Amino acid sequence: MKETIIRVKELVKNYGNFEAVKGISFDVQEGEIFGLLGPNGAGKSTTLEIIETLREKTSGEVWVNGFNLDKDPEEIKKIIGVQLQTSGYYPNLKLVELVALFNGLYNRNADAMSLLEMVNLR
């Protein structure tokens, strides 16, 4: 039997009186290809952003590879990879700002200027 890698239970996300995610529950098994389908505004992106630790939830439970989102968000960040909806470079950000963005996504603290110096982009 395959291990449950992602478990979402009664996940809710509210913005004031607007309920963007309405108590969704699902499990994703190891090796499974899983997709969220629905119309614009259905809460798909919000659900994924919560799982990825990029957005706060209102209520519910999220587990990723045995780590609880409420107790171990930093451990979740260490084991996941994130591809944002807008892929590629962000044209309005400077290189130092891009490094800072990805530092935040992966909970790292790399010195942007040192990295840029290594690849002759300072």
PDB file of N, CA and C in Angstrom:
ATOM      1  N   MET A   1       0.838  -1.190   0.000  1.00  0.00           N
ATOM      2  CA  MET A   1       0.000   0.000   0.000  1.00  0.00           C
ATOM      3  C   MET A   1       0.879   1.249   0.000  1.00  0.00           C
ATOM      4  N   LYS A   2       0.524   2.218  -0.827  1.00  0.00           N
ATOM      5  CA  LYS A   2       1.324   3.427  -0.944  1.00  0.00           C
ATOM      6  C   LYS A   2       1.032   4.401   0.192  1.00  0.00           C
ATOM      7  N   GLU A   3       2.057   5.165   0.525  1.00  0.00           N
ATOM      8  CA  GLU A   3       1.974   6.132   1.616  1.00  0.00           C
ATOM      9  C   GLU A   3       1.237   7.394   1.165  1.00  0.00           C
ATOM     10  N   THR A   4       0.475   7.983   2.079  1.00  0.00           N
ATOM     11  CA  THR A   4      -0.165   9.267   1.803  1.00  0.00           C
ATOM     12  C   THR A   4       0.889  10.355   1.928  1.00  0.00           C
ATOM     13  N   ILE A   5       1.111  11.099   0.839  1.00  0.00           N
ATOM     14  CA  ILE A   5       2.124  12.154   0.807  1.00  0.00           C
ATOM     15  C   ILE A   5       1.515  13.501   1.171  1.00  0.00           C
ATOM     16  N   ILE A   6       0.298  13.758   0.707  1.00  0.00           N
ATOM     17  CA  ILE A   6      -0.409  15.001   1.045  1.00  0.00           C
ATOM     18  C   ILE A   6      -1.782  14.638   1.571  1.00  0.00           C
ATOM     19  N   ARG A   7      -2.134  15.204   2.697  1.00  0.00           N
ATOM     20  CA  ARG A   7      -3.476  15.022   3.267  1.00  0.00           C
ATOM     21  C   ARG A   7      -4.041  16.408   3.579  1.00  0.00           C
ATOM     22  N   VAL A   8      -5.186  16.688   3.006  1.00  0.00           N
ATOM     23  CA  VAL A   8      -5.895  17.950   3.245  1.00  0.00           C
ATOM     24  C   VAL A   8      -7.255  17.576   3.813  1.00  0.00           C
ATOM     25  N   LYS A   9      -7.594  18.162   4.959  1.00  0.00           N
ATOM     26  CA  LYS A   9      -8.830  17.786   5.640  1.00  0.00           C
ATOM     27  C   LYS A   9      -9.612  19.043   6.035  1.00  0.00           C
ATOM     28  N   GLU A  10     -10.785  19.201   5.438  1.00  0.00           N
ATOM     29  CA  GLU A  10     -11.707  20.302   5.749  1.00  0.00           C
ATOM     30  C   GLU A  10     -11.019  21.666   5.671  1.00  0.00           C
ATOM     31  N   LEU A  11     -10.234  21.882   4.620  1.00  0.00           N
ATOM     32  CA  LEU A  11      -9.486  23.126   4.452  1.00  0.00           C
ATOM     33  C   LEU A  11     -10.425  24.272   4.079  1.00  0.00           C
ATOM     34  N   VAL A  12     -10.287  25.376   4.811  1.00  0.00           N
ATOM     35  CA  VAL A  12     -11.092  26.576   4.588  1.00  0.00           C
ATOM     36  C   VAL A  12     -10.167  27.780   4.525  1.00  0.00           C
ATOM     37  N   LYS A  13     -10.455  28.670   3.563  1.00  0.00           N
ATOM     38  CA  LYS A  13      -9.762  29.955   3.487  1.00  0.00           C
ATOM     39  C   LYS A  13     -10.806  31.035   3.242  1.00  0.00           C
ATOM     40  N   ASN A  14     -10.899  31.961   4.180  1.00  0.00           N
ATOM     41  CA  ASN A  14     -11.819  33.086   4.082  1.00  0.00           C
ATOM     42  C   ASN A  14     -11.054  34.381   3.899  1.00  0.00           C
ATOM     43  N   TYR A  15     -11.624  35.263   3.099  1.00  0.00           N
ATOM     44  CA  TYR A  15     -11.165  36.649   2.982  1.00  0.00           C
ATOM     45  C   TYR A  15     -12.348  37.500   3.415  1.00  0.00           C
ATOM     46  N   GLY A  16     -12.353  37.881   4.684  1.00  0.00           N
ATOM     47  CA  GLY A  16     -13.525  38.563   5.218  1.00  0.00           C
ATOM     48  C   GLY A  16     -14.713  37.624   5.184  1.00  0.00           C
ATOM     49  N   ASN A  17     -15.791  38.034   4.533  1.00  0.00           N
ATOM     50  CA  ASN A  17     -16.991  37.201   4.422  1.00  0.00           C
ATOM     51  C   ASN A  17     -16.951  36.263   3.216  1.00  0.00           C
ATOM     52  N   PHE A  18     -15.944  36.419   2.365  1.00  0.00           N
ATOM     53  CA  PHE A  18     -15.850  35.577   1.165  1.00  0.00           C
ATOM     54  C   PHE A  18     -15.102  34.290   1.488  1.00  0.00           C
ATOM     55  N   GLU A  19     -15.723  33.164   1.200  1.00  0.00           N
ATOM     56  CA  GLU A  19     -15.111  31.857   1.448  1.00  0.00           C
ATOM     57  C   GLU A  19     -14.482  31.349   0.144  1.00  0.00           C
ATOM     58  N   ALA A  20     -13.165  31.492   0.019  1.00  0.00           N
ATOM     59  CA  ALA A  20     -12.446  31.113  -1.207  1.00  0.00           C
ATOM     60  C   ALA A  20     -12.251  29.611  -1.310  1.00  0.00           C
ATOM     61  N   VAL A  21     -12.013  28.953  -0.186  1.00  0.00           N
ATOM     62  CA  VAL A  21     -11.877  27.491  -0.127  1.00  0.00           C
ATOM     63  C   VAL A  21     -12.889  27.015   0.902  1.00  0.00           C
ATOM     64  N   LYS A  22     -13.735  26.071   0.496  1.00  0.00           N
ATOM     65  CA  LYS A  22     -14.924  25.732   1.282  1.00  0.00           C
ATOM     66  C   LYS A  22     -14.894  24.324   1.857  1.00  0.00           C
ATOM     67  N   GLY A  23     -13.916  24.031   2.683  1.00  0.00           N
ATOM     68  CA  GLY A  23     -13.903  22.743   3.376  1.00  0.00           C
ATOM     69  C   GLY A  23     -13.487  21.572   2.508  1.00  0.00           C
ATOM     70  N   ILE A  24     -12.505  21.773   1.642  1.00  0.00           N
ATOM     71  CA  ILE A  24     -12.029  20.716   0.738  1.00  0.00           C
ATOM     72  C   ILE A  24     -11.199  19.680   1.507  1.00  0.00           C
ATOM     73  N   SER A  25     -11.369  18.423   1.131  1.00  0.00           N
ATOM     74  CA  SER A  25     -10.599  17.317   1.712  1.00  0.00           C
ATOM     75  C   SER A  25     -10.138  16.386   0.594  1.00  0.00           C
ATOM     76  N   PHE A  26      -8.894  15.948   0.661  1.00  0.00           N
ATOM     77  CA  PHE A  26      -8.383  14.958  -0.287  1.00  0.00           C
ATOM     78  C   PHE A  26      -7.053  14.417   0.222  1.00  0.00           C
ATOM     79  N   ASP A  27      -6.678  13.255  -0.312  1.00  0.00           N
ATOM     80  CA  ASP A  27      -5.377  12.647  -0.050  1.00  0.00           C
ATOM     81  C   ASP A  27      -4.678  12.423  -1.385  1.00  0.00           C
ATOM     82  N   VAL A  28      -3.361  12.558  -1.382  1.00  0.00           N
ATOM     83  CA  VAL A  28      -2.541  12.235  -2.546  1.00  0.00           C
ATOM     84  C   VAL A  28      -1.565  11.156  -2.108  1.00  0.00           C
ATOM     85  N   GLN A  29      -1.558  10.056  -2.844  1.00  0.00           N
ATOM     86  CA  GLN A  29      -0.701   8.926  -2.509  1.00  0.00           C
ATOM     87  C   GLN A  29       0.651   9.050  -3.208  1.00  0.00           C
ATOM     88  N   GLU A  30       1.651   8.443  -2.624  1.00  0.00           N
ATOM     89  CA  GLU A  30       2.980   8.410  -3.221  1.00  0.00           C
ATOM     90  C   GLU A  30       2.901   7.895  -4.652  1.00  0.00           C
ATOM     91  N   GLY A  31       3.524   8.635  -5.582  1.00  0.00           N
ATOM     92  CA  GLY A  31       3.568   8.235  -6.981  1.00  0.00           C
ATOM     93  C   GLY A  31       2.330   8.603  -7.776  1.00  0.00           C
ATOM     94  N   GLU A  32       1.321   9.122  -7.134  1.00  0.00           N
ATOM     95  CA  GLU A  32       0.076   9.472  -7.811  1.00  0.00           C
ATOM     96  C   GLU A  32       0.206  10.833  -8.505  1.00  0.00           C
ATOM     97  N   ILE A  33      -0.398  10.942  -9.681  1.00  0.00           N
ATOM     98  CA  ILE A  33      -0.514  12.235 -10.348  1.00  0.00           C
ATOM     99  C   ILE A  33      -1.890  12.765  -9.998  1.00  0.00           C
ATOM    100  N   PHE A  34      -1.926  13.942  -9.406  1.00  0.00           N
ATOM    101  CA  PHE A  34      -3.156  14.491  -8.845  1.00  0.00           C
ATOM    102  C   PHE A  34      -3.359  15.893  -9.382  1.00  0.00           C
ATOM    103  N   GLY A  35      -4.558  16.227  -9.758  1.00  0.00           N
ATOM    104  CA  GLY A  35      -4.848  17.574 -10.244  1.00  0.00           C
ATOM    105  C   GLY A  35      -6.099  18.125  -9.605  1.00  0.00           C
ATOM    106  N   LEU A  36      -6.145  19.436  -9.497  1.00  0.00           N
ATOM    107  CA  LEU A  36      -7.340  20.141  -9.031  1.00  0.00           C
ATOM    108  C   LEU A  36      -7.960  20.820 -10.240  1.00  0.00           C
ATOM    109  N   LEU A  37      -9.209  20.505 -10.516  1.00  0.00           N
ATOM    110  CA  LEU A  37      -9.907  21.088 -11.649  1.00  0.00           C
ATOM    111  C   LEU A  37     -11.092  21.898 -11.154  1.00  0.00           C
ATOM    112  N   GLY A  38     -11.368  22.995 -11.839  1.00  0.00           N
ATOM    113  CA  GLY A  38     -12.528  23.810 -11.499  1.00  0.00           C
ATOM    114  C   GLY A  38     -12.452  25.140 -12.213  1.00  0.00           C
ATOM    115  N   PRO A  39     -13.544  25.883 -12.180  1.00  0.00           N
ATOM    116  CA  PRO A  39     -13.583  27.174 -12.862  1.00  0.00           C
ATOM    117  C   PRO A  39     -12.722  28.213 -12.139  1.00  0.00           C
ATOM    118  N   ASN A  40     -12.479  29.325 -12.804  1.00  0.00           N
ATOM    119  CA  ASN A  40     -11.771  30.438 -12.167  1.00  0.00           C
ATOM    120  C   ASN A  40     -12.498  30.826 -10.888  1.00  0.00           C
ATOM    121  N   GLY A  41     -11.724  31.067  -9.841  1.00  0.00           N
ATOM    122  CA  GLY A  41     -12.309  31.476  -8.565  1.00  0.00           C
ATOM    123  C   GLY A  41     -12.757  30.333  -7.682  1.00  0.00           C
ATOM    124  N   ALA A  42     -12.478  29.095  -8.091  1.00  0.00           N
ATOM    125  CA  ALA A  42     -12.930  27.934  -7.310  1.00  0.00           C
ATOM    126  C   ALA A  42     -12.050  27.651  -6.097  1.00  0.00           C
ATOM    127  N   GLY A  43     -10.870  28.285  -6.016  1.00  0.00           N
ATOM    128  CA  GLY A  43     -10.002  28.076  -4.861  1.00  0.00           C
ATOM    129  C   GLY A  43      -8.843  27.134  -5.116  1.00  0.00           C
ATOM    130  N   LYS A  44      -8.609  26.759  -6.371  1.00  0.00           N
ATOM    131  CA  LYS A  44      -7.525  25.818  -6.691  1.00  0.00           C
ATOM    132  C   LYS A  44      -6.161  26.388  -6.324  1.00  0.00           C
ATOM    133  N   SER A  45      -5.864  27.569  -6.808  1.00  0.00           N
ATOM    134  CA  SER A  45      -4.557  28.197  -6.534  1.00  0.00           C
ATOM    135  C   SER A  45      -4.390  28.478  -5.054  1.00  0.00           C
ATOM    136  N   THR A  46      -5.438  28.949  -4.412  1.00  0.00           N
ATOM    137  CA  THR A  46      -5.375  29.225  -2.979  1.00  0.00           C
ATOM    138  C   THR A  46      -5.064  27.952  -2.202  1.00  0.00           C
ATOM    139  N   THR A  47      -5.713  26.847  -2.574  1.00  0.00           N
ATOM    140  CA  THR A  47      -5.455  25.565  -1.914  1.00  0.00           C
ATOM    141  C   THR A  47      -3.990  25.172  -2.059  1.00  0.00           C
ATOM    142  N   LEU A  48      -3.459  25.263  -3.277  1.00  0.00           N
ATOM    143  CA  LEU A  48      -2.057  24.906  -3.493  1.00  0.00           C
ATOM    144  C   LEU A  48      -1.114  25.837  -2.738  1.00  0.00           C
ATOM    145  N   GLU A  49      -1.411  27.121  -2.724  1.00  0.00           N
ATOM    146  CA  GLU A  49      -0.553  28.070  -2.008  1.00  0.00           C
ATOM    147  C   GLU A  49      -0.534  27.785  -0.510  1.00  0.00           C
ATOM    148  N   ILE A  50      -1.641  27.334   0.034  1.00  0.00           N
ATOM    149  CA  ILE A  50      -1.679  26.957   1.456  1.00  0.00           C
ATOM    150  C   ILE A  50      -0.802  25.722   1.682  1.00  0.00           C
ATOM    151  N   ILE A  51      -0.957  24.708   0.838  1.00  0.00           N
ATOM    152  CA  ILE A  51      -0.145  23.493   0.963  1.00  0.00           C
ATOM    153  C   ILE A  51       1.340  23.835   0.859  1.00  0.00           C
ATOM    154  N   GLU A  52       1.685  24.770  -0.017  1.00  0.00           N
ATOM    155  CA  GLU A  52       3.072  25.160  -0.245  1.00  0.00           C
ATOM    156  C   GLU A  52       3.613  26.124   0.814  1.00  0.00           C
ATOM    157  N   THR A  53       2.821  26.437   1.805  1.00  0.00           N
ATOM    158  CA  THR A  53       3.162  27.348   2.913  1.00  0.00           C
ATOM    159  C   THR A  53       3.273  28.803   2.465  1.00  0.00           C
ATOM    160  N   LEU A  54       2.704  29.141   1.314  1.00  0.00           N
ATOM    161  CA  LEU A  54       2.791  30.508   0.810  1.00  0.00           C
ATOM    162  C   LEU A  54       1.613  31.377   1.253  1.00  0.00           C
ATOM    163  N   ARG A  55       0.569  30.752   1.768  1.00  0.00           N
ATOM    164  CA  ARG A  55      -0.625  31.486   2.197  1.00  0.00           C
ATOM    165  C   ARG A  55      -1.161  30.854   3.476  1.00  0.00           C
ATOM    166  N   GLU A  56      -1.692  31.671   4.369  1.00  0.00           N
ATOM    167  CA  GLU A  56      -2.272  31.183   5.631  1.00  0.00           C
ATOM    168  C   GLU A  56      -3.661  30.596   5.386  1.00  0.00           C
ATOM    169  N   LYS A  57      -3.984  29.539   6.092  1.00  0.00           N
ATOM    170  CA  LYS A  57      -5.331  28.969   6.016  1.00  0.00           C
ATOM    171  C   LYS A  57      -6.197  29.572   7.118  1.00  0.00           C
ATOM    172  N   THR A  58      -7.503  29.472   6.946  1.00  0.00           N
ATOM    173  CA  THR A  58      -8.430  29.903   7.989  1.00  0.00           C
ATOM    174  C   THR A  58      -8.660  28.769   8.979  1.00  0.00           C
ATOM    175  N   SER A  59      -8.889  27.565   8.447  1.00  0.00           N
ATOM    176  CA  SER A  59      -9.056  26.390   9.307  1.00  0.00           C
ATOM    177  C   SER A  59      -8.826  25.132   8.478  1.00  0.00           C
ATOM    178  N   GLY A  60      -8.824  24.004   9.165  1.00  0.00           N
ATOM    179  CA  GLY A  60      -8.586  22.720   8.520  1.00  0.00           C
ATOM    180  C   GLY A  60      -7.202  22.198   8.840  1.00  0.00           C
ATOM    181  N   GLU A  61      -6.891  21.052   8.267  1.00  0.00           N
ATOM    182  CA  GLU A  61      -5.604  20.397   8.494  1.00  0.00           C
ATOM    183  C   GLU A  61      -4.903  20.123   7.175  1.00  0.00           C
ATOM    184  N   VAL A  62      -3.588  20.298   7.175  1.00  0.00           N
ATOM    185  CA  VAL A  62      -2.763  19.974   6.008  1.00  0.00           C
ATOM    186  C   VAL A  62      -1.530  19.235   6.506  1.00  0.00           C
ATOM    187  N   TRP A  63      -1.245  18.101   5.868  1.00  0.00           N
ATOM    188  CA  TRP A  63      -0.057  17.297   6.160  1.00  0.00           C
ATOM    189  C   TRP A  63       0.683  17.062   4.851  1.00  0.00           C
ATOM    190  N   VAL A  64       1.989  17.242   4.861  1.00  0.00           N
ATOM    191  CA  VAL A  64       2.819  16.977   3.689  1.00  0.00           C
ATOM    192  C   VAL A  64       3.959  16.068   4.124  1.00  0.00           C
ATOM    193  N   ASN A  65       3.974  14.858   3.581  1.00  0.00           N
ATOM    194  CA  ASN A  65       5.001  13.865   3.901  1.00  0.00           C
ATOM    195  C   ASN A  65       5.165  13.661   5.416  1.00  0.00           C
ATOM    196  N   GLY A  66       4.049  13.662   6.116  1.00  0.00           N
ATOM    197  CA  GLY A  66       4.063  13.442   7.561  1.00  0.00           C
ATOM    198  C   GLY A  66       4.247  14.698   8.401  1.00  0.00           C
ATOM    199  N   PHE A  67       4.493  15.836   7.759  1.00  0.00           N
ATOM    200  CA  PHE A  67       4.682  17.092   8.492  1.00  0.00           C
ATOM    201  C   PHE A  67       3.372  17.875   8.522  1.00  0.00           C
ATOM    202  N   ASN A  68       3.015  18.351   9.700  1.00  0.00           N
ATOM    203  CA  ASN A  68       1.807  19.139   9.892  1.00  0.00           C
ATOM    204  C   ASN A  68       2.097  20.601   9.559  1.00  0.00           C
ATOM    205  N   LEU A  69       1.263  21.197   8.717  1.00  0.00           N
ATOM    206  CA  LEU A  69       1.452  22.585   8.297  1.00  0.00           C
ATOM    207  C   LEU A  69       1.490  23.548   9.485  1.00  0.00           C
ATOM    208  N   ASP A  70       0.683  23.292  10.503  1.00  0.00           N
ATOM    209  CA  ASP A  70       0.635  24.193  11.667  1.00  0.00           C
ATOM    210  C   ASP A  70       1.887  24.093  12.528  1.00  0.00           C
ATOM    211  N   LYS A  71       2.481  22.910  12.604  1.00  0.00           N
ATOM    212  CA  LYS A  71       3.618  22.695  13.497  1.00  0.00           C
ATOM    213  C   LYS A  71       4.963  22.706  12.785  1.00  0.00           C
ATOM    214  N   ASP A  72       4.994  22.318  11.513  1.00  0.00           N
ATOM    215  CA  ASP A  72       6.262  22.114  10.808  1.00  0.00           C
ATOM    216  C   ASP A  72       6.339  22.789   9.439  1.00  0.00           C
ATOM    217  N   PRO A  73       5.902  24.043   9.292  1.00  0.00           N
ATOM    218  CA  PRO A  73       5.947  24.653   7.958  1.00  0.00           C
ATOM    219  C   PRO A  73       7.361  24.727   7.375  1.00  0.00           C
ATOM    220  N   GLU A  74       8.354  24.912   8.224  1.00  0.00           N
ATOM    221  CA  GLU A  74       9.737  25.007   7.731  1.00  0.00           C
ATOM    222  C   GLU A  74      10.213  23.662   7.179  1.00  0.00           C
ATOM    223  N   GLU A  75       9.771  22.569   7.770  1.00  0.00           N
ATOM    224  CA  GLU A  75      10.132  21.242   7.264  1.00  0.00           C
ATOM    225  C   GLU A  75       9.467  20.985   5.915  1.00  0.00           C
ATOM    226  N   ILE A  76       8.243  21.460   5.756  1.00  0.00           N
ATOM    227  CA  ILE A  76       7.553  21.308   4.472  1.00  0.00           C
ATOM    228  C   ILE A  76       8.301  22.075   3.396  1.00  0.00           C
ATOM    229  N   LYS A  77       8.724  23.288   3.703  1.00  0.00           N
ATOM    230  CA  LYS A  77       9.458  24.103   2.721  1.00  0.00           C
ATOM    231  C   LYS A  77      10.736  23.408   2.257  1.00  0.00           C
ATOM    232  N   LYS A  78      11.352  22.641   3.136  1.00  0.00           N
ATOM    233  CA  LYS A  78      12.608  21.963   2.794  1.00  0.00           C
ATOM    234  C   LYS A  78      12.421  20.839   1.783  1.00  0.00           C
ATOM    235  N   ILE A  79      11.224  20.257   1.706  1.00  0.00           N
ATOM    236  CA  ILE A  79      11.050  19.056   0.890  1.00  0.00           C
ATOM    237  C   ILE A  79      10.220  19.272  -0.370  1.00  0.00           C
ATOM    238  N   ILE A  80       9.664  20.462  -0.550  1.00  0.00           N
ATOM    239  CA  ILE A  80       8.841  20.670  -1.736  1.00  0.00           C
ATOM    240  C   ILE A  80       9.542  21.576  -2.733  1.00  0.00           C
ATOM    241  N   GLY A  81       9.115  21.493  -3.951  1.00  0.00           N
ATOM    242  CA  GLY A  81       9.536  22.419  -4.999  1.00  0.00           C
ATOM    243  C   GLY A  81       8.310  23.163  -5.465  1.00  0.00           C
ATOM    244  N   VAL A  82       8.460  24.428  -5.773  1.00  0.00           N
ATOM    245  CA  VAL A  82       7.328  25.245  -6.169  1.00  0.00           C
ATOM    246  C   VAL A  82       7.606  25.886  -7.520  1.00  0.00           C
ATOM    247  N   GLN A  83       6.667  25.751  -8.437  1.00  0.00           N
ATOM    248  CA  GLN A  83       6.712  26.498  -9.698  1.00  0.00           C
ATOM    249  C   GLN A  83       5.510  27.430  -9.669  1.00  0.00           C
ATOM    250  N   LEU A  84       5.759  28.717  -9.543  1.00  0.00           N
ATOM    251  CA  LEU A  84       4.674  29.678  -9.472  1.00  0.00           C
ATOM    252  C   LEU A  84       3.933  29.728 -10.805  1.00  0.00           C
ATOM    253  N   GLN A  85       2.688  30.220 -10.783  1.00  0.00           N
ATOM    254  CA  GLN A  85       1.879  30.281 -11.997  1.00  0.00           C
ATOM    255  C   GLN A  85       2.552  31.098 -13.084  1.00  0.00           C
ATOM    256  N   THR A  86       3.168  32.190 -12.699  1.00  0.00           N
ATOM    257  CA  THR A  86       3.911  32.991 -13.657  1.00  0.00           C
ATOM    258  C   THR A  86       5.326  32.446 -13.667  1.00  0.00           C
ATOM    259  N   SER A  87       5.674  31.743 -14.730  1.00  0.00           N
ATOM    260  CA  SER A  87       6.999  31.149 -14.756  1.00  0.00           C
ATOM    261  C   SER A  87       7.991  32.093 -15.415  1.00  0.00           C
ATOM    262  N   GLY A  88       9.241  31.775 -15.265  1.00  0.00           N
ATOM    263  CA  GLY A  88      10.286  32.595 -15.853  1.00  0.00           C
ATOM    264  C   GLY A  88      10.707  33.705 -14.910  1.00  0.00           C
ATOM    265  N   TYR A  89      11.312  34.712 -15.474  1.00  0.00           N
ATOM    266  CA  TYR A  89      11.816  35.822 -14.671  1.00  0.00           C
ATOM    267  C   TYR A  89      10.723  36.852 -14.448  1.00  0.00           C
ATOM    268  N   TYR A  90      10.850  37.615 -13.413  1.00  0.00           N
ATOM    269  CA  TYR A  90       9.906  38.667 -13.087  1.00  0.00           C
ATOM    270  C   TYR A  90      10.517  39.971 -13.564  1.00  0.00           C
ATOM    271  N   PRO A  91      10.002  40.546 -14.644  1.00  0.00           N
ATOM    272  CA  PRO A  91      10.675  41.647 -15.332  1.00  0.00           C
ATOM    273  C   PRO A  91      10.874  42.902 -14.490  1.00  0.00           C
ATOM    274  N   ASN A  92      10.083  43.100 -13.475  1.00  0.00           N
ATOM    275  CA  ASN A  92      10.205  44.320 -12.671  1.00  0.00           C
ATOM    276  C   ASN A  92      11.115  44.158 -11.460  1.00  0.00           C
ATOM    277  N   LEU A  93      11.671  42.970 -11.266  1.00  0.00           N
ATOM    278  CA  LEU A  93      12.545  42.732 -10.123  1.00  0.00           C
ATOM    279  C   LEU A  93      14.010  42.765 -10.546  1.00  0.00           C
ATOM    280  N   LYS A  94      14.826  43.335  -9.694  1.00  0.00           N
ATOM    281  CA  LYS A  94      16.274  43.297  -9.903  1.00  0.00           C
ATOM    282  C   LYS A  94      16.779  41.918  -9.468  1.00  0.00           C
ATOM    283  N   LEU A  95      17.984  41.555  -9.903  1.00  0.00           N
ATOM    284  CA  LEU A  95      18.527  40.237  -9.566  1.00  0.00           C
ATOM    285  C   LEU A  95      18.603  40.006  -8.062  1.00  0.00           C
ATOM    286  N   VAL A  96      18.991  41.019  -7.315  1.00  0.00           N
ATOM    287  CA  VAL A  96      19.070  40.888  -5.854  1.00  0.00           C
ATOM    288  C   VAL A  96      17.673  40.586  -5.285  1.00  0.00           C
ATOM    289  N   GLU A  97      16.655  41.211  -5.854  1.00  0.00           N
ATOM    290  CA  GLU A  97      15.284  40.983  -5.389  1.00  0.00           C
ATOM    291  C   GLU A  97      14.806  39.576  -5.756  1.00  0.00           C
ATOM    292  N   LEU A  98      15.229  39.079  -6.921  1.00  0.00           N
ATOM    293  CA  LEU A  98      14.887  37.704  -7.303  1.00  0.00           C
ATOM    294  C   LEU A  98      15.501  36.687  -6.346  1.00  0.00           C
ATOM    295  N   VAL A  99      16.747  36.907  -5.980  1.00  0.00           N
ATOM    296  CA  VAL A  99      17.405  36.013  -5.016  1.00  0.00           C
ATOM    297  C   VAL A  99      16.654  36.065  -3.688  1.00  0.00           C
ATOM    298  N   ALA A 100      16.260  37.256  -3.263  1.00  0.00           N
ATOM    299  CA  ALA A 100      15.498  37.393  -2.007  1.00  0.00           C
ATOM    300  C   ALA A 100      14.161  36.648  -2.099  1.00  0.00           C
ATOM    301  N   LEU A 101      13.494  36.731  -3.250  1.00  0.00           N
ATOM    302  CA  LEU A 101      12.227  36.025  -3.443  1.00  0.00           C
ATOM    303  C   LEU A 101      12.417  34.523  -3.268  1.00  0.00           C
ATOM    304  N   PHE A 102      13.412  33.969  -3.940  1.00  0.00           N
ATOM    305  CA  PHE A 102      13.626  32.524  -3.861  1.00  0.00           C
ATOM    306  C   PHE A 102      14.200  32.102  -2.506  1.00  0.00           C
ATOM    307  N   ASN A 103      14.937  32.982  -1.840  1.00  0.00           N
ATOM    308  CA  ASN A 103      15.338  32.714  -0.449  1.00  0.00           C
ATOM    309  C   ASN A 103      14.097  32.472   0.397  1.00  0.00           C
ATOM    310  N   GLY A 104      13.100  33.336   0.228  1.00  0.00           N
ATOM    311  CA  GLY A 104      11.867  33.212   0.997  1.00  0.00           C
ATOM    312  C   GLY A 104      11.081  31.962   0.656  1.00  0.00           C
ATOM    313  N   LEU A 105      11.016  31.606  -0.614  1.00  0.00           N
ATOM    314  CA  LEU A 105      10.267  30.418  -1.020  1.00  0.00           C
ATOM    315  C   LEU A 105      10.869  29.145  -0.450  1.00  0.00           C
ATOM    316  N   TYR A 106      12.189  29.111  -0.349  1.00  0.00           N
ATOM    317  CA  TYR A 106      12.869  27.903   0.114  1.00  0.00           C
ATOM    318  C   TYR A 106      13.455  28.042   1.507  1.00  0.00           C
ATOM    319  N   ASN A 107      13.064  29.119   2.210  1.00  0.00           N
ATOM    320  CA  ASN A 107      13.508  29.336   3.586  1.00  0.00           C
ATOM    321  C   ASN A 107      15.034  29.260   3.702  1.00  0.00           C
ATOM    322  N   ARG A 108      15.692  29.948   2.811  1.00  0.00           N
ATOM    323  CA  ARG A 108      17.149  30.012   2.802  1.00  0.00           C
ATOM    324  C   ARG A 108      17.594  31.435   3.067  1.00  0.00           C
ATOM    325  N   ASN A 109      18.860  31.597   3.349  1.00  0.00           N
ATOM    326  CA  ASN A 109      19.412  32.918   3.586  1.00  0.00           C
ATOM    327  C   ASN A 109      20.734  33.035   2.840  1.00  0.00           C
ATOM    328  N   ALA A 110      20.653  33.061   1.513  1.00  0.00           N
ATOM    329  CA  ALA A 110      21.860  33.172   0.686  1.00  0.00           C
ATOM    330  C   ALA A 110      22.171  34.647   0.454  1.00  0.00           C
ATOM    331  N   ASP A 111      23.437  34.965   0.425  1.00  0.00           N
ATOM    332  CA  ASP A 111      23.872  36.329   0.161  1.00  0.00           C
ATOM    333  C   ASP A 111      23.791  36.589  -1.340  1.00  0.00           C
ATOM    334  N   ALA A 112      22.851  37.437  -1.745  1.00  0.00           N
ATOM    335  CA  ALA A 112      22.597  37.685  -3.162  1.00  0.00           C
ATOM    336  C   ALA A 112      23.831  38.213  -3.877  1.00  0.00           C
ATOM    337  N   MET A 113      24.531  39.157  -3.292  1.00  0.00           N
ATOM    338  CA  MET A 113      25.684  39.752  -3.967  1.00  0.00           C
ATOM    339  C   MET A 113      26.801  38.733  -4.176  1.00  0.00           C
ATOM    340  N   SER A 114      27.003  37.849  -3.210  1.00  0.00           N
ATOM    341  CA  SER A 114      28.029  36.801  -3.370  1.00  0.00           C
ATOM    342  C   SER A 114      27.661  35.847  -4.496  1.00  0.00           C
ATOM    343  N   LEU A 115      26.383  35.453  -4.554  1.00  0.00           N
ATOM    344  CA  LEU A 115      25.944  34.560  -5.628  1.00  0.00           C
ATOM    345  C   LEU A 115      26.096  35.223  -6.993  1.00  0.00           C
ATOM    346  N   LEU A 116      25.718  36.488  -7.084  1.00  0.00           N
ATOM    347  CA  LEU A 116      25.817  37.195  -8.359  1.00  0.00           C
ATOM    348  C   LEU A 116      27.269  37.372  -8.772  1.00  0.00           C
ATOM    349  N   GLU A 117      28.140  37.574  -7.786  1.00  0.00           N
ATOM    350  CA  GLU A 117      29.572  37.695  -8.070  1.00  0.00           C
ATOM    351  C   GLU A 117      30.121  36.390  -8.648  1.00  0.00           C
ATOM    352  N   MET A 118      29.658  35.249  -8.104  1.00  0.00           N
ATOM    353  CA  MET A 118      30.124  33.933  -8.568  1.00  0.00           C
ATOM    354  C   MET A 118      29.834  33.706 -10.049  1.00  0.00           C
ATOM    355  N   VAL A 119      28.736  34.289 -10.542  1.00  0.00           N
ATOM    356  CA  VAL A 119      28.355  34.061 -11.931  1.00  0.00           C
ATOM    357  C   VAL A 119      28.522  35.322 -12.791  1.00  0.00           C
ATOM    358  N   ASN A 120      29.330  36.237 -12.315  1.00  0.00           N
ATOM    359  CA  ASN A 120      29.657  37.475 -13.031  1.00  0.00           C
ATOM    360  C   ASN A 120      28.439  38.308 -13.394  1.00  0.00           C
ATOM    361  N   LEU A 121      27.477  38.398 -12.490  1.00  0.00           N
ATOM    362  CA  LEU A 121      26.281  39.219 -12.722  1.00  0.00           C
ATOM    363  C   LEU A 121      26.152  40.376 -11.725  1.00  0.00           C
ATOM    364  N   ARG A 122      27.194  40.606 -10.975  1.00  0.00           N
ATOM    365  CA  ARG A 122      27.132  41.685  -9.997  1.00  0.00           C
ATOM    366  C   ARG A 122      27.026  43.013 -10.709  1.00  0.00           C
TER     367      ARG A 122
END
